[in-house]
Amino acid sequence: MLTLIKTILLGRPQGFRSRARAKLFGGNRSTTSEPTPAPTPKRASQPVEAAEKSLALKMEPPRDVTPPDGYEVVLHKNALEAGKIIEIIIGGTAIAVANVGGTYHAISNTCAHADGPLGEGSLDGHIVSCPYHGWQFDVRDGKCKTNAYASVPTYPVQIVGNAVCVKL
């Protein structure tokens, strides 16, 4: 039980939260069973959201693109390889953006079952599996394949130039 709580609070060793903590504060997560507090940064060189976004992406979101009304630029269209999914925090909302054969989809990052981070899950075609308990969701419509009564919100996506834009 302690391991599950530690995973929920600190993230998986190779997960988004662990990578973000290492990028922001330096070093790696402790492997002991006791959670250790992260050191306080001396000074932040960039906003936390920007650091988290650029953490797993090799390319920054384009800055010279004006998104359609209500949309936000979330990433460069070449930054996410086909068959991959990533967690992005935009406007205070955690979403998961998936690239399925060059078509981008955006869903809530929170699993309907146990609030697992879908952006840290595995993507097989258009189905993402939650890393916590394996519940599966279709990134095209948010419907759960594990439980017919569950689903996650989806968000409209448009490509403008080299930018992937999502409407929250």
N, C-alpha and C. Protein backbone atom coordinates (compact mmCIF):
# COMPACT_ATOMS: atom_id res chain seq x y z
N MET A 1 0.82 -1.19 0.00
CA MET A 1 0.00 0.00 0.00
C MET A 1 0.87 1.26 0.00
N LEU A 2 1.96 1.22 0.78
CA LEU A 2 2.86 2.37 0.84
C LEU A 2 3.48 2.64 -0.53
N THR A 3 3.78 1.58 -1.28
CA THR A 3 4.36 1.74 -2.62
C THR A 3 3.38 2.43 -3.55
N LEU A 4 2.10 2.07 -3.48
CA LEU A 4 1.08 2.70 -4.32
C LEU A 4 0.96 4.19 -3.98
N ILE A 5 0.93 4.51 -2.70
CA ILE A 5 0.83 5.91 -2.28
C ILE A 5 2.06 6.69 -2.75
N LYS A 6 3.23 6.08 -2.61
CA LYS A 6 4.47 6.73 -3.06
C LYS A 6 4.42 6.98 -4.56
N THR A 7 3.93 5.99 -5.33
CA THR A 7 3.83 6.14 -6.78
C THR A 7 2.86 7.25 -7.15
N ILE A 8 1.74 7.31 -6.45
CA ILE A 8 0.74 8.35 -6.73
C ILE A 8 1.31 9.73 -6.44
N LEU A 9 1.99 9.88 -5.31
CA LEU A 9 2.51 11.19 -4.91
C LEU A 9 3.76 11.60 -5.69
N LEU A 10 4.68 10.68 -5.87
CA LEU A 10 5.97 11.03 -6.48
C LEU A 10 6.09 10.63 -7.94
N GLY A 11 5.21 9.75 -8.41
CA GLY A 11 5.28 9.29 -9.79
C GLY A 11 6.16 8.06 -9.92
N ARG A 12 6.07 7.44 -11.08
CA ARG A 12 6.88 6.27 -11.36
C ARG A 12 8.33 6.69 -11.62
N PRO A 13 9.30 5.78 -11.41
CA PRO A 13 10.71 6.15 -11.58
C PRO A 13 11.02 6.76 -12.95
N GLN A 14 10.41 6.27 -14.01
CA GLN A 14 10.66 6.82 -15.33
C GLN A 14 9.48 7.67 -15.81
N GLY A 15 8.57 8.02 -14.92
CA GLY A 15 7.37 8.76 -15.29
C GLY A 15 7.60 10.25 -15.40
N PHE A 16 6.55 10.93 -15.79
CA PHE A 16 6.60 12.36 -16.04
C PHE A 16 7.00 13.15 -14.79
N ARG A 17 6.37 12.84 -13.65
CA ARG A 17 6.65 13.61 -12.44
C ARG A 17 8.11 13.44 -12.00
N SER A 18 8.64 12.23 -12.09
CA SER A 18 10.04 12.01 -11.72
C SER A 18 10.99 12.75 -12.66
N ARG A 19 10.69 12.72 -13.95
CA ARG A 19 11.53 13.44 -14.92
C ARG A 19 11.44 14.94 -14.69
N ALA A 20 10.23 15.44 -14.39
CA ALA A 20 10.05 16.87 -14.14
C ALA A 20 10.83 17.30 -12.91
N ARG A 21 10.74 16.49 -11.84
CA ARG A 21 11.46 16.82 -10.61
C ARG A 21 12.97 16.83 -10.86
N ALA A 22 13.47 15.84 -11.60
CA ALA A 22 14.91 15.79 -11.90
C ALA A 22 15.33 16.99 -12.74
N LYS A 23 14.49 17.38 -13.70
CA LYS A 23 14.81 18.52 -14.58
C LYS A 23 14.81 19.83 -13.78
N LEU A 24 13.81 19.99 -12.93
CA LEU A 24 13.66 21.25 -12.19
C LEU A 24 14.62 21.37 -11.01
N PHE A 25 14.84 20.25 -10.30
CA PHE A 25 15.62 20.33 -9.08
C PHE A 25 16.96 19.62 -9.16
N GLY A 26 17.20 18.90 -10.24
CA GLY A 26 18.44 18.16 -10.41
C GLY A 26 18.42 16.85 -9.66
N GLY A 27 19.21 15.92 -10.11
CA GLY A 27 19.30 14.63 -9.43
C GLY A 27 18.15 13.71 -9.76
N ASN A 28 18.16 12.54 -9.15
CA ASN A 28 17.13 11.52 -9.37
C ASN A 28 16.33 11.31 -8.10
N ARG A 29 15.19 10.67 -8.25
CA ARG A 29 14.33 10.37 -7.12
C ARG A 29 15.00 9.31 -6.25
N SER A 30 14.81 9.44 -4.96
CA SER A 30 15.34 8.47 -4.03
C SER A 30 14.68 7.12 -4.25
N THR A 31 15.43 6.05 -4.06
CA THR A 31 14.86 4.72 -4.24
C THR A 31 14.47 4.09 -2.91
N THR A 32 14.55 4.85 -1.81
CA THR A 32 14.14 4.32 -0.53
C THR A 32 12.62 4.30 -0.46
N SER A 33 12.10 3.58 0.53
CA SER A 33 10.65 3.48 0.67
C SER A 33 10.06 4.73 1.30
N GLU A 34 10.87 5.56 1.91
CA GLU A 34 10.38 6.79 2.51
C GLU A 34 10.47 7.94 1.51
N PRO A 35 9.36 8.66 1.27
CA PRO A 35 9.45 9.81 0.37
C PRO A 35 10.32 10.89 0.99
N THR A 36 11.15 11.49 0.18
CA THR A 36 11.98 12.58 0.65
C THR A 36 11.53 13.86 -0.03
N PRO A 37 11.51 14.94 0.72
CA PRO A 37 11.06 16.20 0.11
C PRO A 37 12.06 16.67 -0.93
N ALA A 38 11.52 17.24 -2.00
CA ALA A 38 12.38 17.78 -3.05
C ALA A 38 13.03 19.06 -2.56
N PRO A 39 14.29 19.29 -2.91
CA PRO A 39 14.95 20.52 -2.48
C PRO A 39 14.30 21.73 -3.12
N THR A 40 14.34 22.85 -2.43
CA THR A 40 13.79 24.08 -2.95
C THR A 40 14.76 24.66 -3.97
N PRO A 41 14.27 25.01 -5.17
CA PRO A 41 15.18 25.58 -6.16
C PRO A 41 15.67 26.95 -5.72
N LYS A 42 16.92 27.26 -6.06
CA LYS A 42 17.46 28.57 -5.70
C LYS A 42 16.81 29.68 -6.50
N ARG A 43 16.58 29.39 -7.79
CA ARG A 43 15.91 30.38 -8.64
C ARG A 43 15.43 29.65 -9.88
N ALA A 44 14.22 29.92 -10.26
CA ALA A 44 13.66 29.28 -11.44
C ALA A 44 14.05 30.07 -12.68
N SER A 45 14.59 29.39 -13.67
CA SER A 45 15.01 30.08 -14.89
C SER A 45 13.88 30.18 -15.90
N GLN A 46 12.82 29.39 -15.71
CA GLN A 46 11.68 29.45 -16.61
C GLN A 46 10.44 29.00 -15.84
N PRO A 47 9.25 29.37 -16.30
CA PRO A 47 8.04 28.94 -15.60
C PRO A 47 7.95 27.42 -15.55
N VAL A 48 7.30 26.90 -14.49
CA VAL A 48 7.20 25.45 -14.31
C VAL A 48 6.50 24.81 -15.49
N GLU A 49 5.40 25.40 -15.99
CA GLU A 49 4.69 24.81 -17.12
C GLU A 49 5.60 24.67 -18.34
N ALA A 50 6.40 25.68 -18.62
CA ALA A 50 7.29 25.62 -19.77
C ALA A 50 8.35 24.55 -19.57
N ALA A 51 8.86 24.42 -18.34
CA ALA A 51 9.86 23.39 -18.06
C ALA A 51 9.26 22.01 -18.22
N GLU A 52 8.03 21.82 -17.74
CA GLU A 52 7.38 20.51 -17.86
C GLU A 52 7.13 20.17 -19.32
N LYS A 53 6.68 21.14 -20.10
CA LYS A 53 6.39 20.89 -21.51
C LYS A 53 7.65 20.50 -22.26
N SER A 54 8.75 21.21 -22.00
CA SER A 54 9.96 20.96 -22.76
C SER A 54 10.72 19.75 -22.25
N LEU A 55 10.29 19.22 -21.11
CA LEU A 55 11.00 18.12 -20.48
C LEU A 55 11.16 16.92 -21.39
N ALA A 56 10.07 16.43 -21.97
CA ALA A 56 10.13 15.22 -22.77
C ALA A 56 10.13 15.52 -24.27
N LEU A 57 10.01 16.77 -24.63
CA LEU A 57 9.93 17.14 -26.03
C LEU A 57 11.23 17.78 -26.47
N LYS A 58 11.67 17.44 -27.65
CA LYS A 58 12.92 17.99 -28.17
C LYS A 58 12.71 19.35 -28.82
N MET A 59 11.46 19.68 -29.17
CA MET A 59 11.18 20.95 -29.83
C MET A 59 10.18 21.75 -29.01
N GLU A 60 10.43 23.02 -28.90
CA GLU A 60 9.51 23.91 -28.20
C GLU A 60 8.27 24.15 -29.06
N PRO A 61 7.14 24.44 -28.44
CA PRO A 61 5.95 24.80 -29.23
C PRO A 61 6.25 26.05 -30.05
N PRO A 62 5.76 26.13 -31.28
CA PRO A 62 5.99 27.32 -32.09
C PRO A 62 5.40 28.56 -31.43
N ARG A 63 6.15 29.64 -31.46
CA ARG A 63 5.69 30.89 -30.85
C ARG A 63 5.10 31.85 -31.88
N ASP A 64 5.34 31.56 -33.15
CA ASP A 64 4.90 32.47 -34.20
C ASP A 64 3.55 32.07 -34.80
N VAL A 65 2.81 31.20 -34.11
CA VAL A 65 1.52 30.72 -34.60
C VAL A 65 0.41 31.34 -33.78
N THR A 66 -0.59 31.87 -34.47
CA THR A 66 -1.78 32.38 -33.79
C THR A 66 -2.84 31.28 -33.85
N PRO A 67 -3.18 30.69 -32.69
CA PRO A 67 -4.15 29.60 -32.71
C PRO A 67 -5.56 30.13 -32.95
N PRO A 68 -6.47 29.26 -33.41
CA PRO A 68 -7.87 29.68 -33.57
C PRO A 68 -8.45 30.10 -32.21
N ASP A 69 -9.54 30.85 -32.24
CA ASP A 69 -10.18 31.30 -31.00
C ASP A 69 -10.50 30.12 -30.09
N GLY A 70 -10.12 30.25 -28.83
CA GLY A 70 -10.38 29.22 -27.84
C GLY A 70 -9.35 28.12 -27.79
N TYR A 71 -8.41 28.09 -28.72
CA TYR A 71 -7.38 27.05 -28.77
C TYR A 71 -6.08 27.56 -28.16
N GLU A 72 -5.27 26.63 -27.69
CA GLU A 72 -3.93 26.94 -27.17
C GLU A 72 -2.92 26.11 -27.94
N VAL A 73 -1.76 26.71 -28.25
CA VAL A 73 -0.67 25.96 -28.87
C VAL A 73 -0.05 25.10 -27.77
N VAL A 74 0.00 23.77 -28.00
CA VAL A 74 0.53 22.89 -26.96
C VAL A 74 1.88 22.28 -27.32
N LEU A 75 2.14 22.06 -28.60
CA LEU A 75 3.44 21.52 -28.97
C LEU A 75 3.69 21.65 -30.47
N HIS A 76 4.93 21.49 -30.86
CA HIS A 76 5.33 21.47 -32.27
C HIS A 76 4.88 20.15 -32.84
N LYS A 77 4.33 20.15 -34.05
CA LYS A 77 3.77 18.90 -34.60
C LYS A 77 4.82 17.82 -34.83
N ASN A 78 6.08 18.18 -34.93
CA ASN A 78 7.14 17.18 -35.10
C ASN A 78 7.78 16.76 -33.78
N ALA A 79 7.31 17.30 -32.67
CA ALA A 79 7.92 17.00 -31.38
C ALA A 79 7.48 15.66 -30.81
N LEU A 80 6.32 15.17 -31.24
CA LEU A 80 5.79 13.92 -30.70
C LEU A 80 5.73 12.89 -31.82
N GLU A 81 6.51 11.83 -31.66
CA GLU A 81 6.56 10.78 -32.68
C GLU A 81 5.22 10.06 -32.80
N ALA A 82 4.95 9.52 -33.98
CA ALA A 82 3.74 8.72 -34.18
C ALA A 82 3.78 7.52 -33.23
N GLY A 83 2.62 7.22 -32.65
CA GLY A 83 2.53 6.10 -31.72
C GLY A 83 2.90 6.45 -30.30
N LYS A 84 3.07 7.73 -30.01
CA LYS A 84 3.46 8.17 -28.66
C LYS A 84 2.35 9.05 -28.06
N ILE A 85 2.35 9.11 -26.74
CA ILE A 85 1.42 9.96 -25.99
C ILE A 85 2.22 10.67 -24.92
N ILE A 86 1.82 11.90 -24.58
CA ILE A 86 2.55 12.69 -23.59
C ILE A 86 1.58 13.52 -22.77
N GLU A 87 1.96 13.77 -21.54
CA GLU A 87 1.20 14.63 -20.66
C GLU A 87 1.66 16.07 -20.86
N ILE A 88 0.69 16.97 -21.00
CA ILE A 88 1.00 18.39 -21.13
C ILE A 88 0.07 19.15 -20.21
N ILE A 89 0.61 20.12 -19.49
CA ILE A 89 -0.21 20.96 -18.64
C ILE A 89 -0.36 22.29 -19.34
N ILE A 90 -1.58 22.62 -19.66
CA ILE A 90 -1.86 23.87 -20.38
C ILE A 90 -3.03 24.57 -19.71
N GLY A 91 -2.86 25.83 -19.40
CA GLY A 91 -3.92 26.58 -18.75
C GLY A 91 -4.36 25.96 -17.44
N GLY A 92 -3.44 25.31 -16.72
CA GLY A 92 -3.77 24.68 -15.45
C GLY A 92 -4.49 23.35 -15.58
N THR A 93 -4.64 22.86 -16.80
CA THR A 93 -5.32 21.58 -17.04
C THR A 93 -4.33 20.57 -17.59
N ALA A 94 -4.32 19.38 -16.99
CA ALA A 94 -3.45 18.31 -17.46
C ALA A 94 -4.20 17.53 -18.54
N ILE A 95 -3.60 17.49 -19.74
CA ILE A 95 -4.18 16.73 -20.84
C ILE A 95 -3.14 15.74 -21.35
N ALA A 96 -3.61 14.76 -22.08
CA ALA A 96 -2.71 13.82 -22.73
C ALA A 96 -2.90 14.00 -24.23
N VAL A 97 -1.81 14.23 -24.94
CA VAL A 97 -1.85 14.42 -26.38
C VAL A 97 -1.20 13.20 -27.02
N ALA A 98 -1.92 12.59 -27.96
CA ALA A 98 -1.45 11.38 -28.63
C ALA A 98 -1.29 11.64 -30.12
N ASN A 99 -0.24 11.05 -30.70
CA ASN A 99 -0.02 11.11 -32.14
C ASN A 99 -0.28 9.71 -32.68
N VAL A 100 -1.41 9.55 -33.36
CA VAL A 100 -1.78 8.25 -33.93
C VAL A 100 -1.61 8.36 -35.44
N GLY A 101 -0.47 7.92 -35.94
CA GLY A 101 -0.20 7.94 -37.36
C GLY A 101 -0.25 9.32 -37.99
N GLY A 102 0.18 10.34 -37.25
CA GLY A 102 0.18 11.71 -37.76
C GLY A 102 -1.10 12.48 -37.44
N THR A 103 -2.09 11.83 -36.87
CA THR A 103 -3.31 12.50 -36.43
C THR A 103 -3.23 12.68 -34.92
N TYR A 104 -3.43 13.90 -34.46
CA TYR A 104 -3.31 14.20 -33.04
C TYR A 104 -4.67 14.18 -32.36
N HIS A 105 -4.67 13.65 -31.14
CA HIS A 105 -5.87 13.58 -30.32
C HIS A 105 -5.51 14.08 -28.92
N ALA A 106 -6.47 14.72 -28.26
CA ALA A 106 -6.24 15.20 -26.89
C ALA A 106 -7.38 14.72 -26.00
N ILE A 107 -6.99 14.16 -24.86
CA ILE A 107 -7.96 13.68 -23.88
C ILE A 107 -7.52 14.18 -22.50
N SER A 108 -8.42 14.04 -21.53
CA SER A 108 -8.05 14.34 -20.16
C SER A 108 -6.90 13.43 -19.76
N ASN A 109 -6.00 13.91 -18.95
CA ASN A 109 -4.87 13.11 -18.51
C ASN A 109 -5.24 12.20 -17.34
N THR A 110 -6.45 12.33 -16.81
CA THR A 110 -6.84 11.63 -15.61
C THR A 110 -7.73 10.43 -15.91
N CYS A 111 -7.27 9.25 -15.57
CA CYS A 111 -8.04 8.01 -15.76
C CYS A 111 -9.31 8.07 -14.93
N ALA A 112 -10.41 7.60 -15.51
CA ALA A 112 -11.70 7.60 -14.83
C ALA A 112 -11.75 6.60 -13.67
N HIS A 113 -10.82 5.66 -13.63
CA HIS A 113 -10.84 4.62 -12.60
C HIS A 113 -10.14 5.06 -11.32
N ALA A 114 -8.87 5.39 -11.41
CA ALA A 114 -8.10 5.70 -10.20
C ALA A 114 -7.23 6.94 -10.39
N ASP A 115 -7.65 7.84 -11.28
CA ASP A 115 -6.94 9.10 -11.52
C ASP A 115 -5.51 8.92 -12.01
N GLY A 116 -5.21 7.81 -12.65
CA GLY A 116 -3.88 7.58 -13.19
C GLY A 116 -3.56 8.54 -14.31
N PRO A 117 -2.28 8.85 -14.53
CA PRO A 117 -1.86 9.78 -15.58
C PRO A 117 -1.81 9.10 -16.95
N LEU A 118 -2.83 9.29 -17.76
CA LEU A 118 -2.90 8.62 -19.06
C LEU A 118 -1.74 8.99 -19.97
N GLY A 119 -1.20 10.21 -19.83
CA GLY A 119 -0.06 10.63 -20.64
C GLY A 119 1.20 9.84 -20.36
N GLU A 120 1.23 9.10 -19.25
CA GLU A 120 2.36 8.23 -18.92
C GLU A 120 2.07 6.79 -19.30
N GLY A 121 0.88 6.55 -19.86
CA GLY A 121 0.49 5.20 -20.24
C GLY A 121 1.08 4.79 -21.57
N SER A 122 0.72 3.59 -22.01
CA SER A 122 1.20 3.10 -23.30
C SER A 122 0.10 3.26 -24.34
N LEU A 123 0.51 3.58 -25.55
CA LEU A 123 -0.41 3.80 -26.65
C LEU A 123 -0.24 2.67 -27.66
N ASP A 124 -1.35 1.99 -27.96
CA ASP A 124 -1.36 0.91 -28.95
C ASP A 124 -2.43 1.27 -29.97
N GLY A 125 -1.99 1.77 -31.11
CA GLY A 125 -2.96 2.28 -32.09
C GLY A 125 -3.64 3.50 -31.51
N HIS A 126 -4.96 3.46 -31.40
CA HIS A 126 -5.70 4.59 -30.82
C HIS A 126 -6.16 4.29 -29.39
N ILE A 127 -5.60 3.25 -28.76
CA ILE A 127 -5.97 2.87 -27.39
C ILE A 127 -4.82 3.16 -26.44
N VAL A 128 -5.12 3.94 -25.39
CA VAL A 128 -4.13 4.23 -24.36
C VAL A 128 -4.50 3.42 -23.12
N SER A 129 -3.48 2.82 -22.49
CA SER A 129 -3.67 2.04 -21.27
C SER A 129 -3.13 2.83 -20.09
N CYS A 130 -3.94 2.94 -19.05
CA CYS A 130 -3.52 3.64 -17.84
C CYS A 130 -2.37 2.89 -17.19
N PRO A 131 -1.32 3.60 -16.74
CA PRO A 131 -0.17 2.92 -16.14
C PRO A 131 -0.48 2.34 -14.76
N TYR A 132 -1.56 2.75 -14.10
CA TYR A 132 -1.86 2.25 -12.77
C TYR A 132 -2.52 0.88 -12.79
N HIS A 133 -3.64 0.75 -13.51
CA HIS A 133 -4.39 -0.51 -13.48
C HIS A 133 -4.75 -1.04 -14.85
N GLY A 134 -4.25 -0.41 -15.90
CA GLY A 134 -4.44 -0.93 -17.25
C GLY A 134 -5.78 -0.64 -17.91
N TRP A 135 -6.60 0.21 -17.31
CA TRP A 135 -7.84 0.56 -17.98
C TRP A 135 -7.50 1.19 -19.33
N GLN A 136 -8.28 0.87 -20.35
CA GLN A 136 -7.98 1.32 -21.70
C GLN A 136 -9.03 2.30 -22.19
N PHE A 137 -8.55 3.35 -22.88
CA PHE A 137 -9.41 4.40 -23.41
C PHE A 137 -9.06 4.66 -24.87
N ASP A 138 -10.08 4.94 -25.67
CA ASP A 138 -9.89 5.31 -27.07
C ASP A 138 -9.61 6.80 -27.11
N VAL A 139 -8.46 7.20 -27.65
CA VAL A 139 -8.10 8.61 -27.67
C VAL A 139 -8.96 9.42 -28.63
N ARG A 140 -9.68 8.76 -29.53
CA ARG A 140 -10.53 9.48 -30.49
C ARG A 140 -11.82 9.98 -29.86
N ASP A 141 -12.39 9.21 -28.95
CA ASP A 141 -13.68 9.61 -28.37
C ASP A 141 -13.72 9.56 -26.85
N GLY A 142 -12.64 9.11 -26.20
CA GLY A 142 -12.57 9.06 -24.75
C GLY A 142 -13.29 7.89 -24.11
N LYS A 143 -13.91 7.02 -24.91
CA LYS A 143 -14.66 5.89 -24.35
C LYS A 143 -13.71 4.84 -23.77
N CYS A 144 -14.13 4.31 -22.64
CA CYS A 144 -13.35 3.29 -21.97
C CYS A 144 -13.65 1.93 -22.57
N LYS A 145 -12.63 1.18 -22.88
CA LYS A 145 -12.78 -0.17 -23.43
C LYS A 145 -12.87 -1.21 -22.31
N THR A 146 -12.47 -0.82 -21.09
CA THR A 146 -12.48 -1.72 -19.95
C THR A 146 -13.84 -1.72 -19.24
N ASN A 147 -14.46 -0.55 -19.19
CA ASN A 147 -15.75 -0.38 -18.52
C ASN A 147 -16.63 0.49 -19.40
N ALA A 148 -17.69 -0.07 -19.93
CA ALA A 148 -18.56 0.64 -20.88
C ALA A 148 -19.22 1.87 -20.28
N TYR A 149 -19.26 1.97 -18.96
CA TYR A 149 -19.91 3.11 -18.29
C TYR A 149 -18.95 4.26 -18.00
N ALA A 150 -17.69 4.08 -18.32
CA ALA A 150 -16.68 5.11 -18.02
C ALA A 150 -16.17 5.75 -19.31
N SER A 151 -15.70 6.97 -19.17
CA SER A 151 -15.07 7.68 -20.29
C SER A 151 -14.26 8.83 -19.72
N VAL A 152 -13.44 9.43 -20.57
CA VAL A 152 -12.69 10.63 -20.20
C VAL A 152 -13.01 11.71 -21.22
N PRO A 153 -12.95 12.97 -20.80
CA PRO A 153 -13.22 14.06 -21.74
C PRO A 153 -12.19 14.11 -22.87
N THR A 154 -12.65 14.52 -24.04
CA THR A 154 -11.76 14.74 -25.18
C THR A 154 -11.76 16.23 -25.49
N TYR A 155 -10.74 16.67 -26.20
CA TYR A 155 -10.62 18.08 -26.56
C TYR A 155 -10.36 18.18 -28.06
N PRO A 156 -10.99 19.16 -28.73
CA PRO A 156 -10.74 19.34 -30.16
C PRO A 156 -9.29 19.73 -30.43
N VAL A 157 -8.74 19.22 -31.52
CA VAL A 157 -7.35 19.50 -31.91
C VAL A 157 -7.35 20.03 -33.33
N GLN A 158 -6.55 21.07 -33.56
CA GLN A 158 -6.31 21.58 -34.91
C GLN A 158 -4.81 21.77 -35.10
N ILE A 159 -4.36 21.52 -36.32
CA ILE A 159 -2.97 21.78 -36.68
C ILE A 159 -2.94 23.10 -37.43
N VAL A 160 -2.14 24.03 -36.94
CA VAL A 160 -1.98 25.34 -37.59
C VAL A 160 -0.50 25.51 -37.86
N GLY A 161 -0.11 25.45 -39.13
CA GLY A 161 1.31 25.51 -39.47
C GLY A 161 2.02 24.31 -38.86
N ASN A 162 3.00 24.58 -38.01
CA ASN A 162 3.74 23.52 -37.31
C ASN A 162 3.26 23.30 -35.89
N ALA A 163 2.13 23.91 -35.53
CA ALA A 163 1.65 23.84 -34.16
C ALA A 163 0.46 22.90 -34.00
N VAL A 164 0.48 22.15 -32.92
CA VAL A 164 -0.67 21.37 -32.50
C VAL A 164 -1.43 22.25 -31.50
N CYS A 165 -2.68 22.57 -31.82
CA CYS A 165 -3.48 23.46 -30.99
C CYS A 165 -4.65 22.68 -30.42
N VAL A 166 -4.93 22.88 -29.12
CA VAL A 166 -5.99 22.17 -28.43
C VAL A 166 -6.95 23.19 -27.82
N LYS A 167 -8.25 22.90 -27.95
CA LYS A 167 -9.28 23.75 -27.37
C LYS A 167 -9.70 23.16 -26.04
N LEU A 168 -9.48 23.92 -24.96
CA LEU A 168 -9.84 23.45 -23.63
C LEU A 168 -11.26 23.82 -23.28
